Amino acid sequence: MRYLPKPVYTVDGSMNRNGEITHYCDLLVKQGQKKLRQQFYVTNIGKDDFILGYPWFQGFNPDVDWANNQLKGPQVKIETISHDIVTCAKQ
C-alpha cells in the first residue's frame, strides 16, 4: 500500500504547483501478451497524459531505443479496471 498525500517535485527540485498527490487509480497496462495491474498517481503534470515510471519498467522490462526516444515491441495500452468512480481512491 502506498501512503498519501505524496509531495511532487519538478525536475529543478521545486514543488509541483498543483501541490501534493492525494489520489491514485489502478489501471490495467498491456504490452503484447503481458498484462499487469499497476497503480498510477493522479496529478496535473502539464501536457503529458502519464509517466511510465520505475514500477512499469521493472514489470515490463521493455526494449528501449534511447537514440530515437521510442519503445520497441508491441504498443503499450492502458485501460481502466472498472468504469466505476471507486477505481480511484483518496487515502
PDB file of N, CA and C in Angstrom:
ATOM      1  N   MET A   1       0.844  -1.176   0.000  1.00  0.00           N
ATOM      2  CA  MET A   1       0.000   0.000   0.000  1.00  0.00           C
ATOM      3  C   MET A   1       0.888   1.237   0.000  1.00  0.00           C
ATOM      4  N   ARG A   2       0.509   2.238  -0.773  1.00  0.00           N
ATOM      5  CA  ARG A   2       1.242   3.495  -0.829  1.00  0.00           C
ATOM      6  C   ARG A   2       0.505   4.519   0.009  1.00  0.00           C
ATOM      7  N   TYR A   3       1.245   5.276   0.763  1.00  0.00           N
ATOM      8  CA  TYR A   3       0.627   6.252   1.644  1.00  0.00           C
ATOM      9  C   TYR A   3       0.570   7.621   0.977  1.00  0.00           C
ATOM     10  N   LEU A   4      -0.568   8.254   1.086  1.00  0.00           N
ATOM     11  CA  LEU A   4      -0.786   9.579   0.517  1.00  0.00           C
ATOM     12  C   LEU A   4      -1.116  10.542   1.650  1.00  0.00           C
ATOM     13  N   PRO A   5      -0.965  11.826   1.550  1.00  0.00           N
ATOM     14  CA  PRO A   5      -0.509  12.561   0.377  1.00  0.00           C
ATOM     15  C   PRO A   5       0.986  12.395   0.130  1.00  0.00           C
ATOM     16  N   LYS A   6       1.368  12.635  -1.098  1.00  0.00           N
ATOM     17  CA  LYS A   6       2.742  12.440  -1.535  1.00  0.00           C
ATOM     18  C   LYS A   6       3.206  13.716  -2.244  1.00  0.00           C
ATOM     19  N   PRO A   7       4.331  14.303  -1.811  1.00  0.00           N
ATOM     20  CA  PRO A   7       4.807  15.515  -2.484  1.00  0.00           C
ATOM     21  C   PRO A   7       5.285  15.207  -3.899  1.00  0.00           C
ATOM     22  N   VAL A   8       5.151  16.200  -4.782  1.00  0.00           N
ATOM     23  CA  VAL A   8       5.600  16.067  -6.167  1.00  0.00           C
ATOM     24  C   VAL A   8       6.588  17.187  -6.455  1.00  0.00           C
ATOM     25  N   TYR A   9       7.732  16.809  -7.000  1.00  0.00           N
ATOM     26  CA  TYR A   9       8.765  17.793  -7.323  1.00  0.00           C
ATOM     27  C   TYR A   9       9.022  17.812  -8.822  1.00  0.00           C
ATOM     28  N   THR A  10       9.332  18.983  -9.340  1.00  0.00           N
ATOM     29  CA  THR A  10       9.678  19.115 -10.746  1.00  0.00           C
ATOM     30  C   THR A  10      11.146  18.770 -10.927  1.00  0.00           C
ATOM     31  N   VAL A  11      11.607  18.761 -12.171  1.00  0.00           N
ATOM     32  CA  VAL A  11      12.989  18.398 -12.464  1.00  0.00           C
ATOM     33  C   VAL A  11      13.979  19.331 -11.772  1.00  0.00           C
ATOM     34  N   ASP A  12      13.614  20.607 -11.614  1.00  0.00           N
ATOM     35  CA  ASP A  12      14.538  21.553 -10.967  1.00  0.00           C
ATOM     36  C   ASP A  12      14.492  21.485  -9.440  1.00  0.00           C
ATOM     37  N   GLY A  13      13.693  20.561  -8.885  1.00  0.00           N
ATOM     38  CA  GLY A  13      13.632  20.371  -7.445  1.00  0.00           C
ATOM     39  C   GLY A  13      12.569  21.184  -6.736  1.00  0.00           C
ATOM     40  N   SER A  14      11.877  22.052  -7.468  1.00  0.00           N
ATOM     41  CA  SER A  14      10.810  22.848  -6.847  1.00  0.00           C
ATOM     42  C   SER A  14       9.541  22.006  -6.706  1.00  0.00           C
ATOM     43  N   MET A  15       8.671  22.418  -5.806  1.00  0.00           N
ATOM     44  CA  MET A  15       7.416  21.709  -5.567  1.00  0.00           C
ATOM     45  C   MET A  15       6.466  21.930  -6.747  1.00  0.00           C
ATOM     46  N   ASN A  16       5.760  20.880  -7.160  1.00  0.00           N
ATOM     47  CA  ASN A  16       4.754  20.983  -8.218  1.00  0.00           C
ATOM     48  C   ASN A  16       3.732  22.036  -7.822  1.00  0.00           C
ATOM     49  N   ARG A  17       3.362  22.895  -8.753  1.00  0.00           N
ATOM     50  CA  ARG A  17       2.445  23.992  -8.436  1.00  0.00           C
ATOM     51  C   ARG A  17       1.047  23.519  -8.062  1.00  0.00           C
ATOM     52  N   ASN A  18       0.716  22.271  -8.366  1.00  0.00           N
ATOM     53  CA  ASN A  18      -0.595  21.726  -8.010  1.00  0.00           C
ATOM     54  C   ASN A  18      -0.598  21.026  -6.658  1.00  0.00           C
ATOM     55  N   GLY A  19       0.520  21.063  -5.962  1.00  0.00           N
ATOM     56  CA  GLY A  19       0.582  20.517  -4.618  1.00  0.00           C
ATOM     57  C   GLY A  19       0.819  19.022  -4.577  1.00  0.00           C
ATOM     58  N   GLU A  20       0.450  18.421  -3.463  1.00  0.00           N
ATOM     59  CA  GLU A  20       0.694  17.003  -3.211  1.00  0.00           C
ATOM     60  C   GLU A  20      -0.286  16.116  -3.971  1.00  0.00           C
ATOM     61  N   ILE A  21       0.128  14.873  -4.184  1.00  0.00           N
ATOM     62  CA  ILE A  21      -0.756  13.868  -4.772  1.00  0.00           C
ATOM     63  C   ILE A  21      -1.643  13.326  -3.665  1.00  0.00           C
ATOM     64  N   THR A  22      -2.945  13.319  -3.919  1.00  0.00           N
ATOM     65  CA  THR A  22      -3.902  12.815  -2.934  1.00  0.00           C
ATOM     66  C   THR A  22      -4.758  11.680  -3.481  1.00  0.00           C
ATOM     67  N   HIS A  23      -4.613  11.342  -4.777  1.00  0.00           N
ATOM     68  CA  HIS A  23      -5.425  10.295  -5.389  1.00  0.00           C
ATOM     69  C   HIS A  23      -4.557   9.359  -6.230  1.00  0.00           C
ATOM     70  N   TYR A  24      -5.045   8.146  -6.405  1.00  0.00           N
ATOM     71  CA  TYR A  24      -4.405   7.198  -7.307  1.00  0.00           C
ATOM     72  C   TYR A  24      -5.485   6.371  -7.993  1.00  0.00           C
ATOM     73  N   CYS A  25      -5.104   5.738  -9.111  1.00  0.00           N
ATOM     74  CA  CYS A  25      -6.004   4.845  -9.840  1.00  0.00           C
ATOM     75  C   CYS A  25      -5.252   3.558 -10.155  1.00  0.00           C
ATOM     76  N   ASP A  26      -5.927   2.441 -10.041  1.00  0.00           N
ATOM     77  CA  ASP A  26      -5.381   1.174 -10.501  1.00  0.00           C
ATOM     78  C   ASP A  26      -5.794   0.996 -11.955  1.00  0.00           C
ATOM     79  N   LEU A  27      -4.806   0.764 -12.822  1.00  0.00           N
ATOM     80  CA  LEU A  27      -5.055   0.615 -14.246  1.00  0.00           C
ATOM     81  C   LEU A  27      -4.450  -0.692 -14.745  1.00  0.00           C
ATOM     82  N   LEU A  28      -5.031  -1.233 -15.809  1.00  0.00           N
ATOM     83  CA  LEU A  28      -4.510  -2.438 -16.446  1.00  0.00           C
ATOM     84  C   LEU A  28      -3.597  -1.994 -17.584  1.00  0.00           C
ATOM     85  N   VAL A  29      -2.318  -2.357 -17.490  1.00  0.00           N
ATOM     86  CA  VAL A  29      -1.338  -1.983 -18.501  1.00  0.00           C
ATOM     87  C   VAL A  29      -1.001  -3.218 -19.312  1.00  0.00           C
ATOM     88  N   LYS A  30      -1.043  -3.091 -20.648  1.00  0.00           N
ATOM     89  CA  LYS A  30      -0.760  -4.209 -21.539  1.00  0.00           C
ATOM     90  C   LYS A  30       0.328  -3.828 -22.533  1.00  0.00           C
ATOM     91  N   GLN A  31       1.196  -4.785 -22.805  1.00  0.00           N
ATOM     92  CA  GLN A  31       2.148  -4.668 -23.904  1.00  0.00           C
ATOM     93  C   GLN A  31       2.304  -6.063 -24.477  1.00  0.00           C
ATOM     94  N   GLY A  32       1.781  -6.264 -25.670  1.00  0.00           N
ATOM     95  CA  GLY A  32       1.757  -7.593 -26.262  1.00  0.00           C
ATOM     96  C   GLY A  32       0.865  -8.500 -25.434  1.00  0.00           C
ATOM     97  N   GLN A  33       1.364  -9.664 -25.045  1.00  0.00           N
ATOM     98  CA  GLN A  33       0.592 -10.613 -24.240  1.00  0.00           C
ATOM     99  C   GLN A  33       0.710 -10.355 -22.741  1.00  0.00           C
ATOM    100  N   LYS A  34       1.606  -9.484 -22.339  1.00  0.00           N
ATOM    101  CA  LYS A  34       1.815  -9.213 -20.921  1.00  0.00           C
ATOM    102  C   LYS A  34       0.805  -8.186 -20.420  1.00  0.00           C
ATOM    103  N   LYS A  35       0.188  -8.481 -19.278  1.00  0.00           N
ATOM    104  CA  LYS A  35      -0.781  -7.583 -18.653  1.00  0.00           C
ATOM    105  C   LYS A  35      -0.455  -7.478 -17.170  1.00  0.00           C
ATOM    106  N   LEU A  36      -0.428  -6.255 -16.651  1.00  0.00           N
ATOM    107  CA  LEU A  36      -0.185  -6.037 -15.232  1.00  0.00           C
ATOM    108  C   LEU A  36      -1.136  -4.967 -14.719  1.00  0.00           C
ATOM    109  N   ARG A  37      -1.624  -5.177 -13.523  1.00  0.00           N
ATOM    110  CA  ARG A  37      -2.390  -4.143 -12.829  1.00  0.00           C
ATOM    111  C   ARG A  37      -1.382  -3.276 -12.095  1.00  0.00           C
ATOM    112  N   GLN A  38      -1.408  -1.975 -12.376  1.00  0.00           N
ATOM    113  CA  GLN A  38      -0.453  -1.076 -11.748  1.00  0.00           C
ATOM    114  C   GLN A  38      -1.172   0.153 -11.210  1.00  0.00           C
ATOM    115  N   GLN A  39      -0.576   0.738 -10.186  1.00  0.00           N
ATOM    116  CA  GLN A  39      -1.152   1.903  -9.539  1.00  0.00           C
ATOM    117  C   GLN A  39      -0.513   3.168 -10.103  1.00  0.00           C
ATOM    118  N   PHE A  40      -1.346   4.113 -10.501  1.00  0.00           N
ATOM    119  CA  PHE A  40      -0.883   5.389 -11.038  1.00  0.00           C
ATOM    120  C   PHE A  40      -1.348   6.508 -10.120  1.00  0.00           C
ATOM    121  N   TYR A  41      -0.432   7.396  -9.774  1.00  0.00           N
ATOM    122  CA  TYR A  41      -0.797   8.587  -9.008  1.00  0.00           C
ATOM    123  C   TYR A  41      -1.461   9.586  -9.939  1.00  0.00           C
ATOM    124  N   VAL A  42      -2.398  10.365  -9.412  1.00  0.00           N
ATOM    125  CA  VAL A  42      -3.130  11.340 -10.211  1.00  0.00           C
ATOM    126  C   VAL A  42      -2.713  12.750  -9.801  1.00  0.00           C
ATOM    127  N   THR A  43      -2.222  13.515 -10.776  1.00  0.00           N
ATOM    128  CA  THR A  43      -1.855  14.913 -10.562  1.00  0.00           C
ATOM    129  C   THR A  43      -1.787  15.599 -11.919  1.00  0.00           C
ATOM    130  N   ASN A  44      -1.672  16.889 -11.923  1.00  0.00           N
ATOM    131  CA  ASN A  44      -1.516  17.636 -13.160  1.00  0.00           C
ATOM    132  C   ASN A  44      -0.029  17.714 -13.481  1.00  0.00           C
ATOM    133  N   ILE A  45       0.384  17.096 -14.594  1.00  0.00           N
ATOM    134  CA  ILE A  45       1.795  17.132 -14.994  1.00  0.00           C
ATOM    135  C   ILE A  45       1.964  17.904 -16.301  1.00  0.00           C
ATOM    136  N   GLY A  46       1.027  18.795 -16.565  1.00  0.00           N
ATOM    137  CA  GLY A  46       1.136  19.627 -17.763  1.00  0.00           C
ATOM    138  C   GLY A  46       0.640  18.920 -19.002  1.00  0.00           C
ATOM    139  N   LYS A  47       1.400  19.012 -20.088  1.00  0.00           N
ATOM    140  CA  LYS A  47       0.949  18.498 -21.378  1.00  0.00           C
ATOM    141  C   LYS A  47       0.994  16.977 -21.480  1.00  0.00           C
ATOM    142  N   ASP A  48       1.707  16.309 -20.596  1.00  0.00           N
ATOM    143  CA  ASP A  48       1.793  14.843 -20.656  1.00  0.00           C
ATOM    144  C   ASP A  48       0.553  14.205 -20.047  1.00  0.00           C
ATOM    145  N   ASP A  49       0.134  13.072 -20.639  1.00  0.00           N
ATOM    146  CA  ASP A  49      -1.018  12.335 -20.113  1.00  0.00           C
ATOM    147  C   ASP A  49      -0.622  11.462 -18.928  1.00  0.00           C
ATOM    148  N   PHE A  50       0.534  10.812 -19.025  1.00  0.00           N
ATOM    149  CA  PHE A  50       1.005   9.950 -17.948  1.00  0.00           C
ATOM    150  C   PHE A  50       2.504   9.751 -18.080  1.00  0.00           C
ATOM    151  N   ILE A  51       3.095   9.286 -17.001  1.00  0.00           N
ATOM    152  CA  ILE A  51       4.513   8.962 -16.989  1.00  0.00           C
ATOM    153  C   ILE A  51       4.650   7.508 -16.559  1.00  0.00           C
ATOM    154  N   LEU A  52       5.353   6.728 -17.367  1.00  0.00           N
ATOM    155  CA  LEU A  52       5.641   5.343 -17.006  1.00  0.00           C
ATOM    156  C   LEU A  52       6.929   5.354 -16.194  1.00  0.00           C
ATOM    157  N   GLY A  53       6.826   5.011 -14.922  1.00  0.00           N
ATOM    158  CA  GLY A  53       7.970   5.092 -14.036  1.00  0.00           C
ATOM    159  C   GLY A  53       8.624   3.747 -13.773  1.00  0.00           C
ATOM    160  N   TYR A  54       9.419   3.717 -12.726  1.00  0.00           N
ATOM    161  CA  TYR A  54      10.189   2.524 -12.383  1.00  0.00           C
ATOM    162  C   TYR A  54       9.335   1.262 -12.240  1.00  0.00           C
ATOM    163  N   PRO A  55       8.165   1.311 -11.556  1.00  0.00           N
ATOM    164  CA  PRO A  55       7.370   0.082 -11.449  1.00  0.00           C
ATOM    165  C   PRO A  55       6.983  -0.493 -12.820  1.00  0.00           C
ATOM    166  N   TRP A  56       6.680   0.383 -13.779  1.00  0.00           N
ATOM    167  CA  TRP A  56       6.343  -0.104 -15.120  1.00  0.00           C
ATOM    168  C   TRP A  56       7.566  -0.718 -15.787  1.00  0.00           C
ATOM    169  N   PHE A  57       8.705  -0.016 -15.727  1.00  0.00           N
ATOM    170  CA  PHE A  57       9.931  -0.549 -16.340  1.00  0.00           C
ATOM    171  C   PHE A  57      10.328  -1.879 -15.700  1.00  0.00           C
ATOM    172  N   GLN A  58      10.167  -1.991 -14.398  1.00  0.00           N
ATOM    173  CA  GLN A  58      10.509  -3.231 -13.706  1.00  0.00           C
ATOM    174  C   GLN A  58       9.561  -4.363 -14.135  1.00  0.00           C
ATOM    175  N   GLY A  59       8.283  -4.054 -14.247  1.00  0.00           N
ATOM    176  CA  GLY A  59       7.294  -5.069 -14.599  1.00  0.00           C
ATOM    177  C   GLY A  59       7.367  -5.532 -16.044  1.00  0.00           C
ATOM    178  N   PHE A  60       7.697  -4.626 -16.970  1.00  0.00           N
ATOM    179  CA  PHE A  60       7.687  -4.963 -18.394  1.00  0.00           C
ATOM    180  C   PHE A  60       9.069  -5.145 -19.000  1.00  0.00           C
ATOM    181  N   ASN A  61      10.098  -4.596 -18.361  1.00  0.00           N
ATOM    182  CA  ASN A  61      11.472  -4.706 -18.864  1.00  0.00           C
ATOM    183  C   ASN A  61      11.524  -4.464 -20.375  1.00  0.00           C
ATOM    184  N   PRO A  62      11.109  -3.273 -20.823  1.00  0.00           N
ATOM    185  CA  PRO A  62      10.995  -3.019 -22.260  1.00  0.00           C
ATOM    186  C   PRO A  62      12.341  -2.846 -22.955  1.00  0.00           C
ATOM    187  N   ASP A  63      12.322  -3.042 -24.262  1.00  0.00           N
ATOM    188  CA  ASP A  63      13.475  -2.766 -25.107  1.00  0.00           C
ATOM    189  C   ASP A  63      13.325  -1.310 -25.560  1.00  0.00           C
ATOM    190  N   VAL A  64      14.271  -0.459 -25.175  1.00  0.00           N
ATOM    191  CA  VAL A  64      14.173   0.976 -25.440  1.00  0.00           C
ATOM    192  C   VAL A  64      15.209   1.395 -26.472  1.00  0.00           C
ATOM    193  N   ASP A  65      14.757   2.132 -27.479  1.00  0.00           N
ATOM    194  CA  ASP A  65      15.648   2.760 -28.451  1.00  0.00           C
ATOM    195  C   ASP A  65      15.887   4.180 -27.943  1.00  0.00           C
ATOM    196  N   TRP A  66      16.913   4.346 -27.118  1.00  0.00           N
ATOM    197  CA  TRP A  66      17.172   5.627 -26.471  1.00  0.00           C
ATOM    198  C   TRP A  66      17.526   6.713 -27.481  1.00  0.00           C
ATOM    199  N   ALA A  67      18.227   6.376 -28.545  1.00  0.00           N
ATOM    200  CA  ALA A  67      18.637   7.371 -29.542  1.00  0.00           C
ATOM    201  C   ALA A  67      17.431   8.016 -30.227  1.00  0.00           C
ATOM    202  N   ASN A  68      16.349   7.252 -30.396  1.00  0.00           N
ATOM    203  CA  ASN A  68      15.151   7.765 -31.075  1.00  0.00           C
ATOM    204  C   ASN A  68      13.965   7.973 -30.141  1.00  0.00           C
ATOM    205  N   ASN A  69      14.193   7.840 -28.830  1.00  0.00           N
ATOM    206  CA  ASN A  69      13.130   8.052 -27.831  1.00  0.00           C
ATOM    207  C   ASN A  69      11.896   7.194 -28.101  1.00  0.00           C
ATOM    208  N   GLN A  70      12.101   5.917 -28.333  1.00  0.00           N
ATOM    209  CA  GLN A  70      10.989   5.024 -28.654  1.00  0.00           C
ATOM    210  C   GLN A  70      11.096   3.707 -27.900  1.00  0.00           C
ATOM    211  N   LEU A  71       9.917   3.159 -27.581  1.00  0.00           N
ATOM    212  CA  LEU A  71       9.853   1.802 -27.046  1.00  0.00           C
ATOM    213  C   LEU A  71       9.746   0.848 -28.222  1.00  0.00           C
ATOM    214  N   LYS A  72      10.545  -0.194 -28.222  1.00  0.00           N
ATOM    215  CA  LYS A  72      10.441  -1.208 -29.261  1.00  0.00           C
ATOM    216  C   LYS A  72       9.415  -2.240 -28.843  1.00  0.00           C
ATOM    217  N   GLY A  73       8.899  -2.973 -29.804  1.00  0.00           N
ATOM    218  CA  GLY A  73       7.948  -4.030 -29.494  1.00  0.00           C
ATOM    219  C   GLY A  73       6.505  -3.566 -29.591  1.00  0.00           C
ATOM    220  N   PRO A  74       5.591  -4.376 -29.037  1.00  0.00           N
ATOM    221  CA  PRO A  74       4.162  -4.067 -29.140  1.00  0.00           C
ATOM    222  C   PRO A  74       3.809  -2.745 -28.459  1.00  0.00           C
ATOM    223  N   GLN A  75       2.741  -2.146 -28.943  1.00  0.00           N
ATOM    224  CA  GLN A  75       2.236  -0.887 -28.399  1.00  0.00           C
ATOM    225  C   GLN A  75       1.784  -1.083 -26.951  1.00  0.00           C
ATOM    226  N   VAL A  76       2.019  -0.066 -26.126  1.00  0.00           N
ATOM    227  CA  VAL A  76       1.570  -0.082 -24.737  1.00  0.00           C
ATOM    228  C   VAL A  76       0.133   0.441 -24.705  1.00  0.00           C
ATOM    229  N   LYS A  77      -0.745  -0.306 -24.032  1.00  0.00           N
ATOM    230  CA  LYS A  77      -2.140   0.103 -23.893  1.00  0.00           C
ATOM    231  C   LYS A  77      -2.481   0.153 -22.413  1.00  0.00           C
ATOM    232  N   ILE A  78      -3.239   1.162 -22.023  1.00  0.00           N
ATOM    233  CA  ILE A  78      -3.637   1.326 -20.631  1.00  0.00           C
ATOM    234  C   ILE A  78      -5.144   1.429 -20.569  1.00  0.00           C
ATOM    235  N   GLU A  79      -5.760   0.608 -19.709  1.00  0.00           N
ATOM    236  CA  GLU A  79      -7.212   0.583 -19.575  1.00  0.00           C
ATOM    237  C   GLU A  79      -7.604   0.738 -18.114  1.00  0.00           C
ATOM    238  N   THR A  80      -8.775   1.312 -17.909  1.00  0.00           N
ATOM    239  CA  THR A  80      -9.303   1.349 -16.552  1.00  0.00           C
ATOM    240  C   THR A  80      -9.731  -0.055 -16.167  1.00  0.00           C
ATOM    241  N   ILE A  81      -9.634  -0.382 -14.895  1.00  0.00           N
ATOM    242  CA  ILE A  81     -10.043  -1.692 -14.400  1.00  0.00           C
ATOM    243  C   ILE A  81     -11.562  -1.771 -14.385  1.00  0.00           C
ATOM    244  N   SER A  82     -12.183  -0.661 -13.995  1.00  0.00           N
ATOM    245  CA  SER A  82     -13.635  -0.590 -13.885  1.00  0.00           C
ATOM    246  C   SER A  82     -14.054   0.813 -14.296  1.00  0.00           C
ATOM    247  N   HIS A  83     -15.257   0.959 -14.766  1.00  0.00           N
ATOM    248  CA  HIS A  83     -15.743   2.281 -15.143  1.00  0.00           C
ATOM    249  C   HIS A  83     -16.448   2.949 -13.992  1.00  0.00           C
ATOM    250  N   ASP A  84     -16.327   2.399 -12.811  1.00  0.00           N
ATOM    251  CA  ASP A  84     -16.951   2.948 -11.614  1.00  0.00           C
ATOM    252  C   ASP A  84     -15.990   3.946 -10.966  1.00  0.00           C
ATOM    253  N   ILE A  85     -16.506   4.966 -10.371  1.00  0.00           N
ATOM    254  CA  ILE A  85     -15.671   6.003  -9.767  1.00  0.00           C
ATOM    255  C   ILE A  85     -14.808   5.466  -8.617  1.00  0.00           C
ATOM    256  N   VAL A  86     -15.162   4.318  -8.049  1.00  0.00           N
ATOM    257  CA  VAL A  86     -14.384   3.786  -6.938  1.00  0.00           C
ATOM    258  C   VAL A  86     -13.032   3.226  -7.386  1.00  0.00           C
ATOM    259  N   THR A  87     -12.711   3.207  -8.689  1.00  0.00           N
ATOM    260  CA  THR A  87     -11.394   2.772  -9.116  1.00  0.00           C
ATOM    261  C   THR A  87     -10.317   3.755  -8.681  1.00  0.00           C
ATOM    262  N   CYS A  88     -10.718   4.980  -8.370  1.00  0.00           N
ATOM    263  CA  CYS A  88      -9.779   5.969  -7.849  1.00  0.00           C
ATOM    264  C   CYS A  88     -10.046   6.114  -6.362  1.00  0.00           C
ATOM    265  N   ALA A  89      -9.007   6.283  -5.592  1.00  0.00           N
ATOM    266  CA  ALA A  89      -9.188   6.325  -4.142  1.00  0.00           C
ATOM    267  C   ALA A  89      -8.421   7.485  -3.543  1.00  0.00           C
ATOM    268  N   LYS A  90      -8.961   8.022  -2.482  1.00  0.00           N
ATOM    269  CA  LYS A  90      -8.270   9.044  -1.700  1.00  0.00           C
ATOM    270  C   LYS A  90      -8.023   8.448  -0.326  1.00  0.00           C
ATOM    271  N   GLN A  91      -6.786   8.554   0.140  1.00  0.00           N
ATOM    272  CA  GLN A  91      -6.459   7.998   1.456  1.00  0.00           C
ATOM    273  C   GLN A  91      -6.339   9.101   2.451  1.00  0.00           C
TER     274      GLN A  91
END
